[in-house]
PDB file of N, CA and C in Angstrom:
ATOM      1  N   UNK A   1     -17.520 -14.444   0.114  1.00  0.00           N
ATOM      2  CA  UNK A   1     -18.731 -14.583   1.070  1.00  0.00           C
ATOM      3  C   UNK A   1     -18.864 -16.153   1.362  1.00  0.00           C
ATOM      4  N   UNK A   2     -19.490 -16.322   2.696  1.00  0.00           N
ATOM      5  CA  UNK A   2     -19.445 -17.871   3.075  1.00  0.00           C
ATOM      6  C   UNK A   2     -20.584 -18.508   2.264  1.00  0.00           C
ATOM      7  N   UNK A   3     -20.709 -19.847   2.279  1.00  0.00           N
ATOM      8  CA  UNK A   3     -21.883 -20.393   1.761  1.00  0.00           C
ATOM      9  C   UNK A   3     -23.261 -19.792   2.114  1.00  0.00           C
ATOM     10  N   UNK A   4     -23.907 -19.441   1.201  1.00  0.00           N
ATOM     11  CA  UNK A   4     -25.205 -18.939   1.677  1.00  0.00           C
ATOM     12  C   UNK A   4     -26.083 -19.609   2.441  1.00  0.00           C
ATOM     13  N   UNK A   5     -26.074 -20.887   2.263  1.00  0.00           N
ATOM     14  CA  UNK A   5     -26.910 -21.849   3.281  1.00  0.00           C
ATOM     15  C   UNK A   5     -26.328 -21.859   4.783  1.00  0.00           C
ATOM     16  N   UNK A   6     -25.200 -21.738   4.874  1.00  0.00           N
ATOM     17  CA  UNK A   6     -24.514 -21.347   6.081  1.00  0.00           C
ATOM     18  C   UNK A   6     -24.855 -20.183   6.761  1.00  0.00           C
ATOM     19  N   UNK A   7     -24.914 -19.296   5.966  1.00  0.00           N
ATOM     20  CA  UNK A   7     -25.228 -17.801   6.323  1.00  0.00           C
ATOM     21  C   UNK A   7     -26.675 -17.592   6.802  1.00  0.00           C
ATOM     22  N   UNK A   8     -27.390 -18.453   6.136  1.00  0.00           N
ATOM     23  CA  UNK A   8     -29.045 -18.250   6.444  1.00  0.00           C
ATOM     24  C   UNK A   8     -29.190 -19.553   7.579  1.00  0.00           C
ATOM     25  N   UNK A   9     -28.422 -20.384   7.838  1.00  0.00           N
ATOM     26  CA  UNK A   9     -28.538 -21.602   8.795  1.00  0.00           C
ATOM     27  C   UNK A   9     -29.678 -22.334   8.336  1.00  0.00           C
ATOM     28  N   UNK A  10     -29.729 -22.667   6.898  1.00  0.00           N
ATOM     29  CA  UNK A  10     -30.590 -23.704   6.389  1.00  0.00           C
ATOM     30  C   UNK A  10     -29.833 -24.743   5.727  1.00  0.00           C
ATOM     31  N   UNK A  11     -30.701 -25.926   5.776  1.00  0.00           N
ATOM     32  CA  UNK A  11     -29.883 -27.049   5.028  1.00  0.00           C
ATOM     33  C   UNK A  11     -29.983 -26.744   3.337  1.00  0.00           C
ATOM     34  N   UNK A  12     -29.376 -27.606   2.659  1.00  0.00           N
ATOM     35  CA  UNK A  12     -29.448 -27.437   1.150  1.00  0.00           C
ATOM     36  C   UNK A  12     -30.925 -28.026   0.794  1.00  0.00           C
ATOM     37  N   UNK A  13     -31.285 -29.044   1.342  1.00  0.00           N
ATOM     38  CA  UNK A  13     -32.563 -29.387   0.729  1.00  0.00           C
ATOM     39  C   UNK A  13     -33.661 -28.579   1.498  1.00  0.00           C
ATOM     40  N   UNK A  14     -33.728 -27.530   2.032  1.00  0.00           N
ATOM     41  CA  UNK A  14     -34.696 -26.604   2.574  1.00  0.00           C
ATOM     42  C   UNK A  14     -35.505 -26.115   1.424  1.00  0.00           C
ATOM     43  N   UNK A  15     -36.793 -25.926   1.972  1.00  0.00           N
ATOM     44  CA  UNK A  15     -37.822 -25.458   0.878  1.00  0.00           C
ATOM     45  C   UNK A  15     -37.684 -23.895   0.803  1.00  0.00           C
ATOM     46  N   UNK A  16     -37.997 -23.169  -0.592  1.00  0.00           N
ATOM     47  CA  UNK A  16     -38.223 -22.121  -0.444  1.00  0.00           C
ATOM     48  C   UNK A  16     -38.825 -21.344   0.623  1.00  0.00           C
ATOM     49  N   UNK A  17     -40.191 -21.668   0.845  1.00  0.00           N
ATOM     50  CA  UNK A  17     -40.837 -21.010   2.112  1.00  0.00           C
ATOM     51  C   UNK A  17     -40.052 -21.102   3.108  1.00  0.00           C
ATOM     52  N   UNK A  18     -39.068 -22.152   3.681  1.00  0.00           N
ATOM     53  CA  UNK A  18     -38.260 -22.292   4.762  1.00  0.00           C
ATOM     54  C   UNK A  18     -37.126 -21.295   4.876  1.00  0.00           C
ATOM     55  N   UNK A  19     -36.667 -21.245   3.625  1.00  0.00           N
ATOM     56  CA  UNK A  19     -35.345 -20.328   3.363  1.00  0.00           C
ATOM     57  C   UNK A  19     -36.080 -18.917   3.682  1.00  0.00           C
ATOM     58  N   UNK A  20     -37.231 -18.581   3.008  1.00  0.00           N
ATOM     59  CA  UNK A  20     -37.603 -17.234   3.174  1.00  0.00           C
ATOM     60  C   UNK A  20     -38.028 -16.980   4.694  1.00  0.00           C
ATOM     61  N   UNK A  21     -38.425 -18.008   5.192  1.00  0.00           N
ATOM     62  CA  UNK A  21     -38.850 -17.614   6.614  1.00  0.00           C
ATOM     63  C   UNK A  21     -37.622 -17.413   7.637  1.00  0.00           C
ATOM     64  N   UNK A  22     -36.483 -18.251   7.255  1.00  0.00           N
ATOM     65  CA  UNK A  22     -35.344 -17.957   8.286  1.00  0.00           C
ATOM     66  C   UNK A  22     -34.698 -16.760   7.719  1.00  0.00           C
ATOM     67  N   UNK A  23     -34.649 -16.343   6.241  1.00  0.00           N
ATOM     68  CA  UNK A  23     -34.228 -15.033   6.236  1.00  0.00           C
ATOM     69  C   UNK A  23     -34.939 -13.673   6.729  1.00  0.00           C
ATOM     70  N   UNK A  24     -36.346 -13.928   6.640  1.00  0.00           N
ATOM     71  CA  UNK A  24     -37.129 -12.725   7.485  1.00  0.00           C
ATOM     72  C   UNK A  24     -36.692 -12.579   8.813  1.00  0.00           C
ATOM     73  N   UNK A  25     -36.556 -13.760   9.446  1.00  0.00           N
ATOM     74  CA  UNK A  25     -36.246 -13.815  10.781  1.00  0.00           C
ATOM     75  C   UNK A  25     -34.864 -12.949  11.225  1.00  0.00           C
ATOM     76  N   UNK A  26     -33.807 -13.548  10.341  1.00  0.00           N
ATOM     77  CA  UNK A  26     -32.278 -13.181  10.646  1.00  0.00           C
ATOM     78  C   UNK A  26     -32.450 -11.663  10.236  1.00  0.00           C
ATOM     79  N   UNK A  27     -33.046 -11.299   8.864  1.00  0.00           N
ATOM     80  CA  UNK A  27     -33.139  -9.736   8.596  1.00  0.00           C
ATOM     81  C   UNK A  27     -33.650  -8.957   9.644  1.00  0.00           C
ATOM     82  N   UNK A  28     -34.844  -9.516  10.105  1.00  0.00           N
ATOM     83  CA  UNK A  28     -35.351  -8.513  11.219  1.00  0.00           C
ATOM     84  C   UNK A  28     -34.536  -8.267  12.540  1.00  0.00           C
ATOM     85  N   UNK A  29     -33.928  -9.410  12.869  1.00  0.00           N
ATOM     86  CA  UNK A  29     -32.917  -9.384  13.884  1.00  0.00           C
ATOM     87  C   UNK A  29     -31.679  -8.516  13.725  1.00  0.00           C
ATOM     88  N   UNK A  30     -31.575  -8.455  12.477  1.00  0.00           N
ATOM     89  CA  UNK A  30     -30.022  -7.651  12.486  1.00  0.00           C
ATOM     90  C   UNK A  30     -30.176  -6.320  11.565  1.00  0.00           C
ATOM     91  N   UNK A  31     -31.429  -6.012  11.322  1.00  0.00           N
ATOM     92  CA  UNK A  31     -31.633  -4.834  10.604  1.00  0.00           C
ATOM     93  C   UNK A  31     -31.025  -3.671  11.502  1.00  0.00           C
ATOM     94  N   UNK A  32     -30.377  -2.783  10.513  1.00  0.00           N
ATOM     95  CA  UNK A  32     -29.743  -1.644  10.889  1.00  0.00           C
ATOM     96  C   UNK A  32     -30.584  -0.719  12.029  1.00  0.00           C
ATOM     97  N   UNK A  33     -31.736  -0.567  11.483  1.00  0.00           N
ATOM     98  CA  UNK A  33     -32.864   0.157  12.256  1.00  0.00           C
ATOM     99  C   UNK A  33     -32.880  -0.320  13.703  1.00  0.00           C
ATOM    100  N   UNK A  34     -32.892  -1.535  13.942  1.00  0.00           N
ATOM    101  CA  UNK A  34     -33.166  -2.271  15.170  1.00  0.00           C
ATOM    102  C   UNK A  34     -31.721  -2.022  16.047  1.00  0.00           C
ATOM    103  N   UNK A  35     -30.783  -1.852  15.388  1.00  0.00           N
ATOM    104  CA  UNK A  35     -29.536  -1.881  15.923  1.00  0.00           C
ATOM    105  C   UNK A  35     -28.543  -0.675  15.578  1.00  0.00           C
ATOM    106  N   UNK A  36     -29.049   0.531  15.705  1.00  0.00           N
ATOM    107  CA  UNK A  36     -28.253   1.769  15.221  1.00  0.00           C
ATOM    108  C   UNK A  36     -26.831   1.523  15.878  1.00  0.00           C
ATOM    109  N   UNK A  37     -26.012   1.925  14.881  1.00  0.00           N
ATOM    110  CA  UNK A  37     -24.709   1.926  15.370  1.00  0.00           C
ATOM    111  C   UNK A  37     -23.765   0.783  15.534  1.00  0.00           C
ATOM    112  N   UNK A  38     -24.526  -0.219  15.483  1.00  0.00           N
ATOM    113  CA  UNK A  38     -23.961  -1.766  15.446  1.00  0.00           C
ATOM    114  C   UNK A  38     -23.500  -2.204  14.055  1.00  0.00           C
ATOM    115  N   UNK A  39     -21.917  -2.006  13.854  1.00  0.00           N
ATOM    116  CA  UNK A  39     -21.567  -2.066  12.398  1.00  0.00           C
ATOM    117  C   UNK A  39     -21.427  -3.840  12.449  1.00  0.00           C
ATOM    118  N   UNK A  40     -21.261  -4.597  13.385  1.00  0.00           N
ATOM    119  CA  UNK A  40     -21.369  -5.718  13.171  1.00  0.00           C
ATOM    120  C   UNK A  40     -22.733  -6.296  12.657  1.00  0.00           C
ATOM    121  N   UNK A  41     -23.876  -5.883  12.998  1.00  0.00           N
ATOM    122  CA  UNK A  41     -25.311  -6.326  12.798  1.00  0.00           C
ATOM    123  C   UNK A  41     -25.461  -5.657  11.404  1.00  0.00           C
ATOM    124  N   UNK A  42     -24.823  -4.443  10.988  1.00  0.00           N
ATOM    125  CA  UNK A  42     -24.890  -4.019   9.640  1.00  0.00           C
ATOM    126  C   UNK A  42     -24.501  -4.953   8.748  1.00  0.00           C
ATOM    127  N   UNK A  43     -23.069  -5.343   8.817  1.00  0.00           N
ATOM    128  CA  UNK A  43     -22.478  -6.168   8.031  1.00  0.00           C
ATOM    129  C   UNK A  43     -23.265  -7.529   7.868  1.00  0.00           C
ATOM    130  N   UNK A  44     -23.708  -8.105   9.094  1.00  0.00           N
ATOM    131  CA  UNK A  44     -24.377  -9.303   8.798  1.00  0.00           C
ATOM    132  C   UNK A  44     -25.620  -9.339   8.205  1.00  0.00           C
ATOM    133  N   UNK A  45     -26.382  -8.122   8.279  1.00  0.00           N
ATOM    134  CA  UNK A  45     -27.530  -7.701   7.600  1.00  0.00           C
ATOM    135  C   UNK A  45     -27.163  -8.007   5.935  1.00  0.00           C
ATOM    136  N   UNK A  46     -25.958  -7.110   5.521  1.00  0.00           N
ATOM    137  CA  UNK A  46     -25.618  -7.081   4.179  1.00  0.00           C
ATOM    138  C   UNK A  46     -25.465  -8.742   3.724  1.00  0.00           C
ATOM    139  N   UNK A  47     -24.563  -9.376   4.677  1.00  0.00           N
ATOM    140  CA  UNK A  47     -24.441 -10.793   4.194  1.00  0.00           C
ATOM    141  C   UNK A  47     -25.387 -11.739   4.266  1.00  0.00           C
ATOM    142  N   UNK A  48     -26.556 -11.530   5.080  1.00  0.00           N
ATOM    143  CA  UNK A  48     -27.802 -12.095   5.042  1.00  0.00           C
ATOM    144  C   UNK A  48     -28.608 -11.831   3.689  1.00  0.00           C
ATOM    145  N   UNK A  49     -28.824 -10.560   3.124  1.00  0.00           N
ATOM    146  CA  UNK A  49     -29.415 -10.321   2.035  1.00  0.00           C
ATOM    147  C   UNK A  49     -28.530 -10.650   0.899  1.00  0.00           C
ATOM    148  N   UNK A  50     -27.241 -10.712   0.992  1.00  0.00           N
ATOM    149  CA  UNK A  50     -26.786 -11.390  -0.025  1.00  0.00           C
ATOM    150  C   UNK A  50     -26.882 -12.935  -0.415  1.00  0.00           C
ATOM    151  N   UNK A  51     -26.620 -13.552   0.737  1.00  0.00           N
ATOM    152  CA  UNK A  51     -27.116 -15.190   0.769  1.00  0.00           C
ATOM    153  C   UNK A  51     -28.677 -15.207   0.218  1.00  0.00           C
ATOM    154  N   UNK A  52     -29.446 -14.492   0.612  1.00  0.00           N
ATOM    155  CA  UNK A  52     -30.860 -14.699   0.317  1.00  0.00           C
ATOM    156  C   UNK A  52     -31.003 -14.266  -1.386  1.00  0.00           C
ATOM    157  N   UNK A  53     -30.295 -13.417  -1.757  1.00  0.00           N
ATOM    158  CA  UNK A  53     -30.456 -13.014  -3.046  1.00  0.00           C
ATOM    159  C   UNK A  53     -29.835 -14.433  -4.273  1.00  0.00           C
ATOM    160  N   UNK A  54     -29.165 -15.137  -3.471  1.00  0.00           N
ATOM    161  CA  UNK A  54     -28.801 -16.409  -4.284  1.00  0.00           C
ATOM    162  C   UNK A  54     -29.976 -17.464  -3.924  1.00  0.00           C
ATOM    163  N   UNK A  55     -30.089 -18.196  -2.875  1.00  0.00           N
ATOM    164  CA  UNK A  55     -30.651 -19.272  -2.649  1.00  0.00           C
ATOM    165  C   UNK A  55     -32.328 -18.878  -2.630  1.00  0.00           C
ATOM    166  N   UNK A  56     -32.485 -17.441  -2.392  1.00  0.00           N
ATOM    167  CA  UNK A  56     -34.011 -17.120  -2.384  1.00  0.00           C
ATOM    168  C   UNK A  56     -34.598 -17.163  -3.965  1.00  0.00           C
ATOM    169  N   UNK A  57     -33.693 -17.375  -4.920  1.00  0.00           N
ATOM    170  CA  UNK A  57     -34.223 -17.287  -6.290  1.00  0.00           C
ATOM    171  C   UNK A  57     -34.072 -18.621  -6.737  1.00  0.00           C
ATOM    172  N   UNK A  58     -34.955 -19.159  -7.272  1.00  0.00           N
ATOM    173  CA  UNK A  58     -35.106 -20.456  -7.702  1.00  0.00           C
ATOM    174  C   UNK A  58     -33.973 -20.950  -8.941  1.00  0.00           C
ATOM    175  N   UNK A  59     -33.757 -19.772  -9.769  1.00  0.00           N
ATOM    176  CA  UNK A  59     -32.778 -20.087 -10.947  1.00  0.00           C
ATOM    177  C   UNK A  59     -31.236 -19.841 -10.279  1.00  0.00           C
ATOM    178  N   UNK A  60     -30.984 -18.870  -9.547  1.00  0.00           N
ATOM    179  CA  UNK A  60     -29.682 -18.623  -8.824  1.00  0.00           C
ATOM    180  C   UNK A  60     -29.118 -19.607  -8.233  1.00  0.00           C
ATOM    181  N   UNK A  61     -30.501 -20.295  -7.287  1.00  0.00           N
ATOM    182  CA  UNK A  61     -30.153 -21.511  -6.349  1.00  0.00           C
ATOM    183  C   UNK A  61     -29.757 -22.721  -7.179  1.00  0.00           C
ATOM    184  N   UNK A  62     -30.531 -22.944  -8.319  1.00  0.00           N
ATOM    185  CA  UNK A  62     -29.923 -24.225  -9.222  1.00  0.00           C
ATOM    186  C   UNK A  62     -28.678 -24.005  -9.513  1.00  0.00           C
ATOM    187  N   UNK A  63     -28.528 -22.783 -10.311  1.00  0.00           N
ATOM    188  CA  UNK A  63     -26.938 -22.731 -10.630  1.00  0.00           C
ATOM    189  C   UNK A  63     -25.947 -22.792  -9.687  1.00  0.00           C
ATOM    190  N   UNK A  64     -26.353 -22.124  -8.408  1.00  0.00           N
ATOM    191  CA  UNK A  64     -25.287 -22.246  -7.247  1.00  0.00           C
ATOM    192  C   UNK A  64     -25.172 -23.599  -6.866  1.00  0.00           C
ATOM    193  N   UNK A  65     -26.245 -24.448  -6.860  1.00  0.00           N
ATOM    194  CA  UNK A  65     -26.129 -25.979  -6.438  1.00  0.00           C
ATOM    195  C   UNK A  65     -25.274 -26.789  -7.443  1.00  0.00           C
ATOM    196  N   UNK A  66     -25.320 -26.318  -8.873  1.00  0.00           N
ATOM    197  CA  UNK A  66     -24.758 -27.027  -9.823  1.00  0.00           C
ATOM    198  C   UNK A  66     -23.124 -26.649 -10.011  1.00  0.00           C
ATOM    199  N   UNK A  67     -22.726 -25.549  -9.141  1.00  0.00           N
ATOM    200  CA  UNK A  67     -21.660 -25.036  -9.203  1.00  0.00           C
ATOM    201  C   UNK A  67     -21.143 -23.875 -10.145  1.00  0.00           C
ATOM    202  N   UNK A  68     -22.109 -23.574 -11.084  1.00  0.00           N
ATOM    203  CA  UNK A  68     -22.098 -22.570 -12.154  1.00  0.00           C
ATOM    204  C   UNK A  68     -21.634 -21.543 -11.470  1.00  0.00           C
ATOM    205  N   UNK A  69     -22.424 -20.894 -10.383  1.00  0.00           N
ATOM    206  CA  UNK A  69     -21.790 -19.701 -10.011  1.00  0.00           C
ATOM    207  C   UNK A  69     -21.301 -19.898  -8.313  1.00  0.00           C
ATOM    208  N   UNK A  70     -20.545 -19.108  -7.666  1.00  0.00           N
ATOM    209  CA  UNK A  70     -19.877 -18.989  -6.715  1.00  0.00           C
ATOM    210  C   UNK A  70     -20.915 -18.230  -5.473  1.00  0.00           C
ATOM    211  N   UNK A  71     -20.438 -18.245  -4.220  1.00  0.00           N
ATOM    212  CA  UNK A  71     -21.273 -17.541  -3.357  1.00  0.00           C
ATOM    213  C   UNK A  71     -21.573 -16.049  -3.483  1.00  0.00           C
ATOM    214  N   UNK A  72     -20.224 -15.570  -4.266  1.00  0.00           N
ATOM    215  CA  UNK A  72     -20.504 -14.108  -4.832  1.00  0.00           C
ATOM    216  C   UNK A  72     -21.596 -13.795  -5.796  1.00  0.00           C
ATOM    217  N   UNK A  73     -22.087 -14.889  -6.380  1.00  0.00           N
ATOM    218  CA  UNK A  73     -22.995 -14.685  -7.696  1.00  0.00           C
ATOM    219  C   UNK A  73     -22.495 -14.694  -8.882  1.00  0.00           C
TER     220      UNK A  73
END
C-alpha cells in the first residue's frame, strides 16, 4: 500500500481531527453503495480504510512515524 498520509491527502503534521475529517469525506465519496459496480471506487474505499486504520489510531500512527511498522501495518 502507498503511504497512508498520501492516500488520505493529509500532511504528517495533521491533527487526528483533521485526519478523521478527511477520511470521512473520502470514504463517503468512494463508498461502494454510492457507486455500485465501480470496482475502482471499491478498491479506493478499501485503501482509504486501511490508511485510516494506521494514521487514525494514535499508537499505530506513532509506530508508523517511527518506522516500526510499514504502510501495511
